[in-house]
Amino acid sequence: MSRERRITEAFVELAGTAASQDDTAAFLRLFAQRCVDLVDAAGATVMLADEHGRLSLAATSSPAVRLAEVTGLRVGSGPGPEAHALGRPVACPDLDSPPERWEAFATAARAEGYASAHAWPLRDRDEVLGAVELCRTRTGPYDEPDAELAAALAHVAAISLLRARRQQRADVLTQQLQQALDSRLVIEQAKGVLAERRSLGIDQAFVLLRGHARRHQMRLATLAGQVLDGTADGSLLGHPDPRTSGKSQAPAESARAAGRSPAGRPHPTQPTRTQPSRTQPARPGPADLARMSPRRPGGQPRPDRP
């Protein structure tokens, strides 16, 4: 297979491979392997930055390539970290004479058998996601066609990563919007239930629901769900609390049965009765005296005594 055909297939393969959150590592391993196959490199290391801009090892072309993990990422030196920081290609054509700031990296790279190192940023427009670092066993810079090919591969990888991240953000936003809509529907239904049970208006029912949630430090949607399934506090639903209803009603009912208000005063709906004294007999009235007087036989009254 010609080199041109291999390059075309590599771009199609990278463009068609989804760099989703679950498959990012697999995608970046494929990208590193294609860089080694097409750009005449002995090893490739891919670095990605987090939201704070800190680089971490994301993938290598083979498990034997540990150069970035051992040195570059720890000390922040080498072509890879610098290409990410500057957003442009960076190279060290001869590791025997590196810049002073890369001395630790060059020593470790020579120990691994490398003679030169080159890096390109994973960049799309103004967004720089990381860098790919290619190490070679011979000195000297890349020729222009290979350098352009490496830059194009890095650009395709960056586009795939950005597309996956944007899709992930869109999925999260869709999920959040759906949760907000579901919560709103539950709250509206709970308002209707409270309005019917408490004989309130819809706005008054919402004020009652919101106030109860604040007092008990609950999410409004959680409380609304409890209202719908009947597990909410009875005081909110208009039901007496079984833990206190028996204690509070018993004294009141006994007081009303005795003709008093719960505070000990005579009940306003019952008249006050005066009980006769047991130590003083009641005086007989005129009707009682008439019944007690004797009558003559034949129904004639007794004549008055002189």
Protein backbone atom coordinates (compact mmCIF):
# COMPACT_ATOMS: atom_id res chain seq x y z
CA MET A 1 0.00 0.00 0.00
CA SER A 2 1.35 3.40 -0.97
CA ARG A 3 2.11 6.03 1.66
CA GLU A 4 -0.50 8.34 0.21
CA ARG A 5 -3.16 5.61 0.59
CA ARG A 6 -2.08 4.94 4.17
CA ILE A 7 -2.31 8.65 5.00
CA THR A 8 -5.81 8.90 3.51
CA GLU A 9 -7.03 5.87 5.43
CA ALA A 10 -5.52 7.20 8.66
CA PHE A 11 -7.42 10.49 8.35
CA VAL A 12 -10.67 8.68 7.54
CA GLU A 13 -10.12 6.36 10.51
CA LEU A 14 -9.42 9.21 12.93
CA ALA A 15 -12.32 11.31 11.66
CA GLY A 16 -14.73 8.38 11.92
CA THR A 17 -13.65 7.28 15.40
CA ALA A 18 -15.78 8.91 18.08
CA ALA A 19 -13.65 10.43 20.82
CA SER A 20 -16.39 10.04 23.42
CA GLN A 21 -15.77 10.31 27.13
CA ASP A 22 -15.60 6.52 27.50
CA ASP A 23 -13.38 6.00 24.43
CA THR A 24 -11.01 8.97 24.69
CA ALA A 25 -8.06 6.83 25.76
CA ALA A 26 -8.62 4.36 22.90
CA PHE A 27 -8.92 7.20 20.39
CA LEU A 28 -5.70 8.84 21.57
CA ARG A 29 -3.80 5.52 21.45
CA LEU A 30 -4.92 5.12 17.84
CA PHE A 31 -3.82 8.68 17.10
CA ALA A 32 -0.36 8.08 18.65
CA GLN A 33 0.10 4.86 16.69
CA ARG A 34 -0.80 6.55 13.40
CA CYS A 35 1.69 9.34 14.12
CA VAL A 36 4.46 6.77 14.60
CA ASP A 37 3.44 4.87 11.44
CA LEU A 38 3.21 7.90 9.14
CA VAL A 39 5.71 10.46 10.43
CA ASP A 40 8.80 8.29 10.96
CA ALA A 41 8.93 8.39 14.77
CA ALA A 42 10.20 5.83 17.28
CA GLY A 43 7.63 6.73 19.91
CA ALA A 44 4.71 9.10 20.48
CA THR A 45 3.30 10.55 23.69
CA VAL A 46 -0.05 12.38 23.91
CA MET A 47 -0.64 14.87 26.73
CA LEU A 48 -3.96 16.48 27.66
CA ALA A 49 -4.62 19.50 29.87
CA ASP A 50 -7.33 19.63 32.53
CA GLU A 51 -9.61 22.61 33.22
CA HIS A 52 -6.78 24.27 35.17
CA GLY A 53 -4.25 23.85 32.35
CA ARG A 54 -2.24 21.08 34.05
CA LEU A 55 -0.92 18.45 31.65
CA SER A 56 -1.24 14.74 32.24
CA LEU A 57 -0.27 11.67 30.26
CA ALA A 58 -3.21 10.61 28.07
CA ALA A 59 -1.78 7.93 25.72
CA THR A 60 1.38 6.51 24.19
CA SER A 61 2.07 4.62 20.97
CA SER A 62 3.20 1.59 23.01
CA PRO A 63 3.54 0.67 26.71
CA ALA A 64 7.33 0.95 26.39
CA VAL A 65 7.15 4.71 25.79
CA ARG A 66 7.27 6.24 29.29
CA LEU A 67 9.40 9.29 28.61
CA ALA A 68 6.74 11.92 29.32
CA GLU A 69 5.55 10.14 32.45
CA VAL A 70 9.09 9.82 33.82
CA THR A 71 10.44 13.29 33.13
CA GLY A 72 8.65 15.85 31.01
CA LEU A 73 5.36 16.08 32.90
CA ARG A 74 7.03 16.04 36.31
CA VAL A 75 9.41 18.92 35.69
CA GLY A 76 7.27 20.71 33.09
CA SER A 77 10.10 20.70 30.56
CA GLY A 78 10.53 19.30 27.09
CA PRO A 79 8.96 19.99 23.72
CA GLY A 80 5.51 18.68 24.68
CA PRO A 81 4.73 20.95 27.65
CA GLU A 82 6.22 23.92 25.82
CA ALA A 83 4.21 23.29 22.64
CA HIS A 84 1.06 23.25 24.74
CA ALA A 85 2.02 26.45 26.56
CA LEU A 86 2.97 28.34 23.38
CA GLY A 87 0.35 26.84 21.06
CA ARG A 88 2.90 26.16 18.28
CA PRO A 89 5.34 23.41 17.26
CA VAL A 90 8.50 23.04 19.35
CA ALA A 91 11.50 20.83 18.59
CA CYS A 92 14.85 19.71 19.96
CA PRO A 93 16.70 18.36 16.87
CA ASP A 94 19.70 17.16 18.89
CA LEU A 95 19.27 15.96 22.45
CA ASP A 96 23.04 16.07 22.95
CA SER A 97 22.88 19.85 22.90
CA PRO A 98 19.47 20.78 24.34
CA PRO A 99 18.46 24.16 25.77
CA GLU A 100 19.44 24.52 29.40
CA ARG A 101 15.79 24.44 30.52
CA TRP A 102 15.40 20.97 28.95
CA GLU A 103 18.51 19.37 30.45
CA ALA A 104 16.60 16.92 32.66
CA PHE A 105 14.33 15.91 29.78
CA ALA A 106 17.23 15.45 27.35
CA THR A 107 19.14 13.25 29.80
CA ALA A 108 16.14 10.95 30.29
CA ALA A 109 15.39 10.87 26.54
CA ARG A 110 18.97 9.92 25.64
CA ALA A 111 18.79 7.14 28.25
CA GLU A 112 15.78 5.75 26.37
CA GLY A 113 17.76 5.75 23.11
CA TYR A 114 16.26 8.85 21.52
CA ALA A 115 18.31 11.42 19.64
CA SER A 116 15.71 14.14 18.93
CA ALA A 117 12.26 15.19 20.09
CA HIS A 118 9.50 17.17 18.36
CA ALA A 119 6.04 18.30 19.54
CA TRP A 120 2.88 19.79 18.06
CA PRO A 121 -0.03 21.29 19.97
CA LEU A 122 -3.47 19.69 19.85
CA ARG A 123 -5.11 22.88 18.73
CA ASP A 124 -8.20 24.05 16.86
CA ARG A 125 -8.30 27.81 16.34
CA ASP A 126 -7.75 29.37 19.78
CA GLU A 127 -8.38 26.24 21.83
CA VAL A 128 -5.29 24.25 22.84
CA LEU A 129 -6.14 20.92 24.46
CA GLY A 130 -2.68 19.42 24.88
CA ALA A 131 0.23 18.25 22.75
CA VAL A 132 1.69 15.25 20.95
CA GLU A 133 5.40 14.59 21.34
CA LEU A 134 7.31 12.50 18.78
CA CYS A 135 10.77 11.11 19.57
CA ARG A 136 13.21 9.86 16.92
CA THR A 137 16.38 7.78 17.04
CA ARG A 138 18.23 10.13 14.69
CA THR A 139 19.04 13.77 14.95
CA GLY A 140 17.85 16.58 12.73
CA PRO A 141 14.56 18.36 12.07
CA TYR A 142 11.59 16.94 10.21
CA ASP A 143 11.33 17.82 6.58
CA GLU A 144 8.45 20.08 5.63
CA PRO A 145 6.00 17.42 4.28
CA ASP A 146 6.34 15.29 7.42
CA ALA A 147 6.04 18.34 9.68
CA GLU A 148 2.86 19.40 7.89
CA LEU A 149 1.49 15.86 8.13
CA ALA A 150 2.15 15.74 11.88
CA ALA A 151 0.43 19.12 12.32
CA ALA A 152 -2.58 17.92 10.30
CA LEU A 153 -2.89 14.74 12.38
CA ALA A 154 -2.74 16.80 15.57
CA HIS A 155 -5.41 19.14 14.21
CA VAL A 156 -7.77 16.25 13.38
CA ALA A 157 -7.28 14.82 16.88
CA ALA A 158 -8.08 18.20 18.44
CA ILE A 159 -11.26 18.56 16.36
CA SER A 160 -12.44 15.09 17.40
CA LEU A 161 -11.76 15.82 21.08
CA LEU A 162 -13.57 19.17 20.94
CA ARG A 163 -16.54 17.62 19.17
CA ALA A 164 -16.79 14.97 21.88
CA ARG A 165 -16.58 17.58 24.65
CA ARG A 166 -19.24 19.77 23.06
CA GLN A 167 -21.52 16.78 22.66
CA GLN A 168 -20.96 15.89 26.30
CA ARG A 169 -21.83 19.44 27.41
CA ALA A 170 -24.94 19.37 25.22
CA ASP A 171 -26.01 16.06 26.77
CA VAL A 172 -25.52 17.44 30.28
CA LEU A 173 -27.49 20.58 29.44
CA THR A 174 -30.33 18.52 27.94
CA GLN A 175 -30.45 16.36 31.05
CA GLN A 176 -30.52 19.40 33.33
CA LEU A 177 -33.31 21.02 31.31
CA GLN A 178 -35.34 17.81 31.41
CA GLN A 179 -34.87 17.54 35.18
CA ALA A 180 -35.96 21.16 35.61
CA LEU A 181 -39.06 20.54 33.48
CA ASP A 182 -39.95 17.39 35.43
CA SER A 183 -39.51 19.23 38.73
CA ARG A 184 -41.71 22.08 37.53
CA LEU A 185 -44.48 19.67 36.57
CA VAL A 186 -44.34 17.97 39.97
CA ILE A 187 -44.50 21.34 41.76
CA GLU A 188 -47.50 22.46 39.71
CA GLN A 189 -49.35 19.25 40.52
CA ALA A 190 -48.55 19.60 44.22
CA LYS A 191 -49.90 23.17 44.18
CA GLY A 192 -53.18 21.84 42.80
CA VAL A 193 -53.41 19.14 45.47
CA LEU A 194 -52.79 21.63 48.30
CA ALA A 195 -55.25 24.13 46.84
CA GLU A 196 -57.98 21.49 46.75
CA ARG A 197 -57.29 20.03 50.20
CA ARG A 198 -56.79 23.31 52.00
CA SER A 199 -59.38 25.33 50.02
CA LEU A 200 -56.71 27.80 48.90
CA GLY A 201 -55.89 29.66 45.75
CA ILE A 202 -53.04 28.40 43.56
CA ASP A 203 -50.74 31.26 44.61
CA GLN A 204 -51.52 30.70 48.28
CA ALA A 205 -50.84 26.99 47.89
CA PHE A 206 -47.43 27.76 46.39
CA VAL A 207 -46.57 30.13 49.24
CA LEU A 208 -47.54 27.42 51.72
CA LEU A 209 -45.48 24.79 49.90
CA ARG A 210 -42.43 27.02 49.59
CA GLY A 211 -42.57 28.12 53.22
CA HIS A 212 -42.79 24.53 54.45
CA ALA A 213 -39.80 23.56 52.30
CA ARG A 214 -37.72 26.43 53.66
CA ARG A 215 -38.57 25.72 57.28
CA HIS A 216 -37.62 22.08 56.92
CA GLN A 217 -34.64 22.73 54.61
CA MET A 218 -36.01 20.59 51.80
CA ARG A 219 -35.84 20.90 48.05
CA LEU A 220 -39.11 22.20 46.69
CA ALA A 221 -39.36 19.39 44.13
CA THR A 222 -38.74 16.75 46.82
CA LEU A 223 -41.50 18.16 49.02
CA ALA A 224 -43.85 18.39 46.04
CA GLY A 225 -43.25 14.71 45.32
CA GLN A 226 -44.13 13.86 48.93
CA VAL A 227 -47.36 15.85 48.62
CA LEU A 228 -48.33 13.85 45.55
CA ASP A 229 -47.64 10.44 47.07
CA GLY A 230 -49.20 11.39 50.42
CA THR A 231 -46.05 11.07 52.54
CA ALA A 232 -45.70 14.78 53.33
CA ASP A 233 -46.20 16.17 56.83
CA GLY A 234 -49.86 16.06 57.87
CA SER A 235 -49.74 19.69 58.94
CA LEU A 236 -49.04 20.65 55.34
CA LEU A 237 -51.76 18.43 53.89
CA GLY A 238 -54.33 19.60 56.44
CA HIS A 239 -54.39 16.35 58.42
CA PRO A 240 -54.01 16.35 62.24
CA ASP A 241 -50.77 14.99 63.56
CA PRO A 242 -51.54 11.59 65.17
CA ARG A 243 -48.72 12.09 67.64
CA THR A 244 -50.30 15.17 69.19
CA SER A 245 -53.98 15.05 68.28
CA GLY A 246 -54.96 12.62 71.08
CA LYS A 247 -53.15 14.63 73.74
CA SER A 248 -54.54 17.96 72.69
CA GLN A 249 -58.15 16.85 72.16
CA ALA A 250 -58.68 14.75 75.31
CA PRO A 251 -58.52 17.65 77.84
CA ALA A 252 -60.71 19.81 75.65
CA GLU A 253 -63.35 17.14 75.20
CA SER A 254 -63.45 16.33 78.93
CA ALA A 255 -63.78 20.01 79.70
CA ARG A 256 -66.66 20.40 77.26
CA ALA A 257 -68.35 17.32 78.72
CA ALA A 258 -68.15 18.93 82.18
CA GLY A 259 -69.73 22.13 80.84
CA ARG A 260 -66.52 24.15 80.98
CA SER A 261 -64.24 25.61 78.38
CA PRO A 262 -60.73 24.15 78.18
CA ALA A 263 -59.47 27.10 80.25
CA GLY A 264 -61.80 26.18 83.17
CA ARG A 265 -64.50 28.82 82.55
CA PRO A 266 -68.16 27.92 82.05
CA HIS A 267 -68.87 26.87 78.52
CA PRO A 268 -70.49 29.77 76.65
CA THR A 269 -73.11 27.55 75.00
CA GLN A 270 -74.46 26.09 78.28
CA PRO A 271 -76.26 28.14 80.99
CA THR A 272 -74.84 28.27 84.47
CA ARG A 273 -76.78 26.12 86.95
CA THR A 274 -77.12 26.98 90.67
CA GLN A 275 -76.99 23.88 92.82
CA PRO A 276 -79.14 23.99 96.03
CA SER A 277 -77.33 23.81 99.34
CA ARG A 278 -77.52 20.46 101.06
CA THR A 279 -77.33 21.95 104.60
CA GLN A 280 -80.46 24.16 104.23
CA PRO A 281 -83.76 22.55 103.11
CA ALA A 282 -85.74 24.44 100.54
CA ARG A 283 -88.86 26.31 101.73
CA PRO A 284 -92.21 24.92 100.39
CA GLY A 285 -94.09 27.11 98.00
CA PRO A 286 -97.86 27.94 97.96
CA ALA A 287 -98.64 25.00 95.72
CA ASP A 288 -96.83 22.69 98.09
CA LEU A 289 -98.78 24.08 101.10
CA ALA A 290 -102.12 23.58 99.27
CA ARG A 291 -101.31 19.95 98.64
CA MET A 292 -100.25 19.44 102.20
CA SER A 293 -103.54 20.92 103.79
CA PRO A 294 -106.23 18.27 104.80
CA ARG A 295 -109.63 18.14 103.05
CA ARG A 296 -113.05 17.20 104.48
CA PRO A 297 -114.96 14.18 103.20
CA GLY A 298 -117.11 14.91 100.21
CA GLY A 299 -114.72 17.47 98.91
CA GLN A 300 -116.10 20.22 101.21
CA PRO A 301 -113.54 22.52 102.68
CA ARG A 302 -113.12 22.61 106.44
CA PRO A 303 -114.72 25.63 108.07
CA ASP A 304 -112.36 28.17 109.51
CA ARG A 305 -111.70 27.92 113.19
CA PRO A 306 -112.96 30.74 115.44
